[in-house]
Amino acid sequence: MESSFSLLPKYKKCWKCNVFTFNIRFINGIHYFLCKKCDNLILWNDKTCLSQSKIHVQDIEILLTLFLDNKTASETYSIIHYSFVQKTMNIKTIRRYFEIFNMIIYNYVEDKMSTAFLEGEIEIDETHLFKVKKSSAPHRPYPNSSQWLFGLRKRGCSDFIIFPVTKRDSKTLDPILLKHVSINSIIYSDSYSVYVNNQTLPKQSKLEKYGYTHLYVNHKIEFVSLAFNYIHTNTVESLWKEIKTYLRRMKSTNKFIFTIYRYYYTKILEKEAQYEILLKGLHKENI
């Protein structure tokens, strides 16, 4: 019996004679590719991130489908144990496969972020992801309490870029801005001291020297400029709200960056494109 599951690659390279084979064989419940040149059998997941997989290809397909539907590992565990699904898979197995899927997304998004370029009307802002939880218990550290994100979001569309940062100084934020935003763009921000010199009267932009048109609002007084209601950072602020809501739903703390990149991934790509990228990562052979 030959399977039509889309998780199976369309071909494999024979490690004996370096010939590509398209011939799938189903032997003892396992899928192989048969090389007709040397009669060698190659496992469908040979030399890939799934090479140590112990579960059936159909079960991986189910996990992949639920992952793409933005289910958590716990939610997936509950779903596959419904009577009409009847899959016996423990939560550790599900988490292990979700980690594989997340790593593929992480590599894809990190590469895309590194080359992303925005122009036009861009809002910039930073947000603090985790609040410090005071506790005298020595066994309960909160290493993520100081984690910051720097975000850039284009008005009028869904394009945005997110960067985890350890510092919010000009040496950290300015290079990101210069690399990812066209110098002819209009930048909207708050009056944070990295963007605005607050010691002068009137206040002066620190970003205009780079060639940007810089408009800013003082959040200590107002969130939308009373004089010009188009001067605000509401677009990027709404992004922070969406991300934090997503993090809470996914119950993500120590591996938050994978969840944030997963959020980015779901926002910029249609489901079919998400699936194709994951398949490409799962089929990629380790060199």
Protein backbone atom coordinates (compact mmCIF):
# COMPACT_ATOMS: atom_id res chain seq x y z
CA MET A 1 0.00 0.00 0.00
CA GLU A 2 1.37 3.40 -0.98
CA SER A 3 0.43 6.46 1.03
CA SER A 4 -0.78 9.76 -0.39
CA PHE A 5 -0.03 11.75 2.78
CA SER A 6 1.49 15.08 1.84
CA LEU A 7 4.04 14.82 4.65
CA LEU A 8 5.94 12.25 2.61
CA PRO A 9 8.63 13.79 0.38
CA LYS A 10 8.18 13.40 -3.37
CA TYR A 11 11.65 11.87 -3.76
CA LYS A 12 14.77 10.84 -1.85
CA LYS A 13 18.43 10.68 -2.78
CA CYS A 14 19.99 7.25 -2.56
CA TRP A 15 22.97 7.34 -0.21
CA LYS A 16 24.60 4.46 -2.07
CA CYS A 17 24.60 5.68 -5.67
CA ASN A 18 23.52 9.37 -5.30
CA VAL A 19 20.55 8.85 -7.63
CA PHE A 20 17.17 10.44 -6.90
CA THR A 21 14.31 7.96 -6.59
CA PHE A 22 10.55 8.60 -6.73
CA ASN A 23 9.44 5.02 -6.01
CA ILE A 24 7.64 4.71 -2.65
CA ARG A 25 7.24 1.32 -1.00
CA PHE A 26 5.13 0.53 2.09
CA ILE A 27 6.83 -2.27 4.05
CA ASN A 28 5.79 -3.46 7.51
CA GLY A 29 3.99 -0.19 8.21
CA ILE A 30 6.98 1.95 7.19
CA HIS A 31 7.44 4.06 4.06
CA TYR A 32 10.61 3.61 2.01
CA PHE A 33 11.93 4.88 -1.30
CA LEU A 34 13.29 2.15 -3.57
CA CYS A 35 16.33 2.97 -5.68
CA LYS A 36 15.92 0.92 -8.87
CA LYS A 37 19.56 1.38 -9.80
CA CYS A 38 21.01 -0.42 -6.76
CA ASP A 39 17.87 -1.88 -5.10
CA ASN A 40 18.56 0.15 -1.97
CA LEU A 41 15.72 1.07 0.38
CA ILE A 42 15.83 4.58 1.87
CA LEU A 43 13.61 5.57 4.79
CA TRP A 44 11.25 8.42 3.95
CA ASN A 45 12.72 10.49 6.82
CA ASP A 46 16.36 9.47 6.39
CA LYS A 47 18.90 12.18 7.39
CA THR A 48 16.18 14.69 8.30
CA CYS A 49 15.07 16.19 11.62
CA LEU A 50 12.49 13.37 11.73
CA SER A 51 15.06 10.58 11.34
CA GLN A 52 14.57 9.51 14.99
CA SER A 53 10.78 9.52 14.69
CA LYS A 54 9.06 6.50 16.24
CA ILE A 55 5.49 7.33 15.26
CA HIS A 56 3.61 6.76 12.02
CA VAL A 57 3.73 9.37 9.28
CA GLN A 58 -0.05 9.81 9.58
CA ASP A 59 0.29 10.69 13.27
CA ILE A 60 2.93 13.33 12.47
CA GLU A 61 0.54 14.72 9.87
CA ILE A 62 -2.18 15.05 12.53
CA LEU A 63 0.22 16.86 14.88
CA LEU A 64 1.30 19.16 12.06
CA THR A 65 -2.30 19.99 11.18
CA LEU A 66 -3.17 20.86 14.78
CA PHE A 67 0.03 22.88 15.15
CA LEU A 68 -0.91 24.90 12.06
CA ASP A 69 -4.32 25.43 13.61
CA ASN A 70 -2.52 27.23 16.47
CA LYS A 71 -3.24 24.57 19.05
CA THR A 72 -1.00 24.23 22.09
CA ALA A 73 0.59 20.89 22.99
CA SER A 74 -1.96 20.46 25.80
CA GLU A 75 -4.89 21.23 23.50
CA THR A 76 -3.51 18.78 20.94
CA TYR A 77 -3.17 16.09 23.60
CA SER A 78 -6.86 16.54 24.50
CA ILE A 79 -8.02 16.47 20.88
CA ILE A 80 -6.18 13.33 19.79
CA HIS A 81 -7.57 11.42 22.75
CA TYR A 82 -11.17 11.96 21.70
CA SER A 83 -12.93 8.66 21.03
CA PHE A 84 -13.31 9.41 17.31
CA VAL A 85 -9.56 10.04 16.94
CA GLN A 86 -8.24 7.32 19.27
CA LYS A 87 -4.54 8.13 19.22
CA THR A 88 -2.32 6.96 22.06
CA MET A 89 0.35 9.61 22.20
CA ASN A 90 1.78 11.10 25.38
CA ILE A 91 2.22 14.82 26.01
CA LYS A 92 6.04 14.57 25.93
CA THR A 93 5.94 13.19 22.40
CA ILE A 94 3.63 15.97 21.26
CA ARG A 95 5.86 18.62 22.81
CA ARG A 96 8.93 17.11 21.17
CA TYR A 97 7.35 17.34 17.70
CA PHE A 98 6.04 20.84 18.39
CA GLU A 99 9.59 21.85 19.29
CA ILE A 100 10.76 20.56 15.90
CA PHE A 101 8.02 22.55 14.14
CA ASN A 102 8.85 25.64 16.19
CA MET A 103 12.55 25.41 15.36
CA ILE A 104 11.77 25.34 11.63
CA ILE A 105 9.60 28.43 12.05
CA TYR A 106 12.26 30.12 14.17
CA ASN A 107 14.92 29.63 11.47
CA TYR A 108 12.55 30.83 8.74
CA VAL A 109 11.40 33.95 10.61
CA GLU A 110 14.88 34.84 11.86
CA ASP A 111 16.13 34.75 8.26
CA LYS A 112 13.16 36.81 7.06
CA MET A 113 13.57 39.35 9.86
CA SER A 114 17.24 39.83 9.05
CA THR A 115 16.43 40.93 5.50
CA ALA A 116 13.06 42.67 6.04
CA PHE A 117 12.86 46.28 4.84
CA LEU A 118 10.06 48.78 5.51
CA GLU A 119 9.29 52.12 3.93
CA GLY A 120 6.50 54.66 4.13
CA GLU A 121 4.83 55.46 7.45
CA ILE A 122 6.46 53.41 10.18
CA GLU A 123 5.63 53.34 13.89
CA ILE A 124 8.34 52.25 16.32
CA ASP A 125 8.12 51.32 19.98
CA GLU A 126 9.48 48.98 22.66
CA THR A 127 7.59 46.84 25.11
CA HIS A 128 8.47 45.00 28.31
CA LEU A 129 7.23 41.43 28.02
CA PHE A 130 7.36 40.17 31.58
CA LYS A 131 6.83 41.98 34.86
CA VAL A 132 9.05 41.17 37.81
CA LYS A 133 7.28 38.91 40.29
CA LYS A 134 8.65 39.52 43.77
CA SER A 135 9.43 36.36 45.68
CA SER A 136 11.85 35.46 48.45
CA ALA A 137 11.94 31.84 47.29
CA PRO A 138 15.46 31.13 45.91
CA HIS A 139 14.17 28.33 43.68
CA ARG A 140 11.83 30.61 41.73
CA PRO A 141 13.95 32.90 39.56
CA TYR A 142 12.29 34.89 36.78
CA PRO A 143 14.97 35.21 34.07
CA ASN A 144 12.55 36.73 31.54
CA SER A 145 11.57 39.70 33.71
CA SER A 146 13.92 42.06 31.86
CA GLN A 147 13.06 40.97 28.32
CA TRP A 148 12.28 43.78 25.90
CA LEU A 149 11.03 43.78 22.33
CA PHE A 150 11.70 46.48 19.75
CA GLY A 151 8.99 46.66 17.09
CA LEU A 152 8.50 48.40 13.78
CA ARG A 153 5.09 48.38 12.13
CA LYS A 154 4.00 49.89 8.84
CA ARG A 155 0.72 51.77 8.73
CA GLY A 156 -1.99 50.68 6.35
CA CYS A 157 -0.90 47.03 6.12
CA SER A 158 0.11 44.05 8.24
CA ASP A 159 3.89 44.39 7.75
CA PHE A 160 5.91 44.48 10.95
CA ILE A 161 9.29 43.44 12.36
CA ILE A 162 10.12 42.41 15.93
CA PHE A 163 13.52 42.17 17.58
CA PRO A 164 14.24 40.90 21.11
CA VAL A 165 16.74 43.31 22.70
CA THR A 166 18.65 43.34 25.97
CA LYS A 167 19.21 47.10 25.96
CA ARG A 168 17.15 50.06 24.77
CA ASP A 169 19.99 52.46 24.06
CA SER A 170 20.83 54.17 20.78
CA LYS A 171 23.69 51.76 20.10
CA THR A 172 21.17 48.91 20.04
CA LEU A 173 18.08 50.49 18.46
CA ASP A 174 19.55 52.89 15.88
CA PRO A 175 21.37 50.19 13.83
CA ILE A 176 18.14 48.16 13.65
CA LEU A 177 16.23 51.21 12.46
CA LEU A 178 18.84 52.14 9.85
CA LYS A 179 19.06 48.59 8.51
CA HIS A 180 15.33 47.91 8.23
CA VAL A 181 13.68 51.28 7.46
CA SER A 182 14.18 53.39 4.34
CA ILE A 183 15.70 56.81 5.09
CA ASN A 184 12.87 58.50 3.18
CA SER A 185 10.26 57.11 5.55
CA ILE A 186 8.12 58.89 8.14
CA ILE A 187 8.82 57.61 11.64
CA TYR A 188 6.20 57.88 14.40
CA SER A 189 7.32 57.33 17.99
CA ASP A 190 6.86 58.40 21.57
CA SER A 191 9.30 60.83 23.19
CA TYR A 192 11.68 58.22 24.53
CA SER A 193 15.13 59.72 25.03
CA VAL A 194 16.72 57.47 22.38
CA TYR A 195 14.45 59.06 19.76
CA VAL A 196 14.02 62.58 21.13
CA ASN A 197 16.25 65.04 22.97
CA ASN A 198 13.99 66.03 25.86
CA GLN A 199 16.54 68.41 27.39
CA THR A 200 16.04 71.16 24.81
CA LEU A 201 13.17 73.57 24.28
CA PRO A 202 11.59 72.82 21.96
CA LYS A 203 12.41 69.11 21.98
CA GLN A 204 14.50 67.89 19.07
CA SER A 205 14.43 64.64 17.12
CA LYS A 206 17.50 62.44 17.24
CA LEU A 207 16.39 60.50 14.17
CA GLU A 208 16.09 63.30 11.62
CA LYS A 209 19.89 63.36 11.22
CA TYR A 210 19.55 59.98 9.49
CA GLY A 211 17.19 61.37 6.85
CA TYR A 212 13.88 60.37 8.40
CA THR A 213 10.84 62.57 8.85
CA HIS A 214 10.27 62.07 12.56
CA LEU A 215 6.96 62.83 14.28
CA TYR A 216 6.52 62.05 17.96
CA VAL A 217 4.05 62.33 20.80
CA ASN A 218 4.70 62.77 24.52
CA HIS A 219 2.94 59.87 26.27
CA LYS A 220 3.21 61.63 29.61
CA ILE A 221 0.73 64.18 28.28
CA GLU A 222 -1.22 62.47 25.48
CA PHE A 223 -1.31 59.30 23.41
CA VAL A 224 -2.65 61.00 20.28
CA SER A 225 -1.49 64.49 19.41
CA LEU A 226 -4.25 67.04 19.99
CA ALA A 227 -2.77 69.26 17.31
CA PHE A 228 -2.37 66.53 14.66
CA ASN A 229 -4.38 63.38 15.31
CA TYR A 230 -2.28 61.31 12.88
CA ILE A 231 0.71 61.55 15.23
CA HIS A 232 0.44 58.49 17.49
CA THR A 233 1.82 54.99 17.99
CA ASN A 234 -1.53 53.20 18.30
CA THR A 235 -0.76 50.80 15.43
CA VAL A 236 2.37 49.35 17.02
CA GLU A 237 0.76 49.47 20.48
CA SER A 238 -2.04 47.24 19.18
CA LEU A 239 0.64 44.84 17.95
CA TRP A 240 2.01 44.53 21.50
CA LYS A 241 -1.49 43.80 22.78
CA GLU A 242 -1.97 41.04 20.19
CA ILE A 243 1.41 39.46 20.96
CA LYS A 244 0.89 39.45 24.72
CA THR A 245 -2.58 37.96 24.30
CA TYR A 246 -1.08 35.27 22.06
CA LEU A 247 1.68 34.54 24.59
CA ARG A 248 -0.88 34.09 27.35
CA ARG A 249 -3.04 31.80 25.23
CA MET A 250 -0.04 29.68 24.27
CA LYS A 251 1.13 29.70 27.93
CA SER A 252 4.60 30.69 26.81
CA THR A 253 7.27 32.00 29.20
CA ASN A 254 10.76 30.54 28.99
CA LYS A 255 10.52 29.83 25.24
CA PHE A 256 8.61 32.99 24.44
CA ILE A 257 10.72 33.88 21.37
CA PHE A 258 9.53 30.73 19.57
CA THR A 259 5.93 31.71 20.30
CA ILE A 260 6.48 35.28 19.11
CA TYR A 261 8.04 34.07 15.88
CA ARG A 262 5.15 31.62 15.50
CA TYR A 263 2.75 34.56 15.87
CA TYR A 264 4.67 36.48 13.19
CA TYR A 265 4.62 33.40 10.96
CA THR A 266 0.84 33.03 11.21
CA LYS A 267 0.30 36.73 10.49
CA ILE A 268 2.44 37.12 7.37
CA LEU A 269 1.62 33.82 5.64
CA GLU A 270 -1.50 32.05 4.47
CA LYS A 271 -2.09 28.56 5.87
CA GLU A 272 -0.96 26.86 2.66
CA ALA A 273 2.32 28.80 2.64
CA GLN A 274 2.87 28.00 6.34
CA TYR A 275 2.41 24.32 5.58
CA GLU A 276 4.81 24.37 2.61
CA ILE A 277 7.57 26.01 4.67
CA LEU A 278 7.17 23.46 7.45
CA LEU A 279 7.25 20.60 4.94
CA LYS A 280 10.41 22.01 3.38
CA GLY A 281 12.04 22.16 6.80
CA LEU A 282 10.93 18.65 7.73
CA HIS A 283 12.23 17.22 4.44
CA LYS A 284 15.53 19.10 4.49
CA GLU A 285 18.38 16.64 4.80
CA ASN A 286 21.03 17.22 7.46
CA ILE A 287 24.45 17.60 5.93
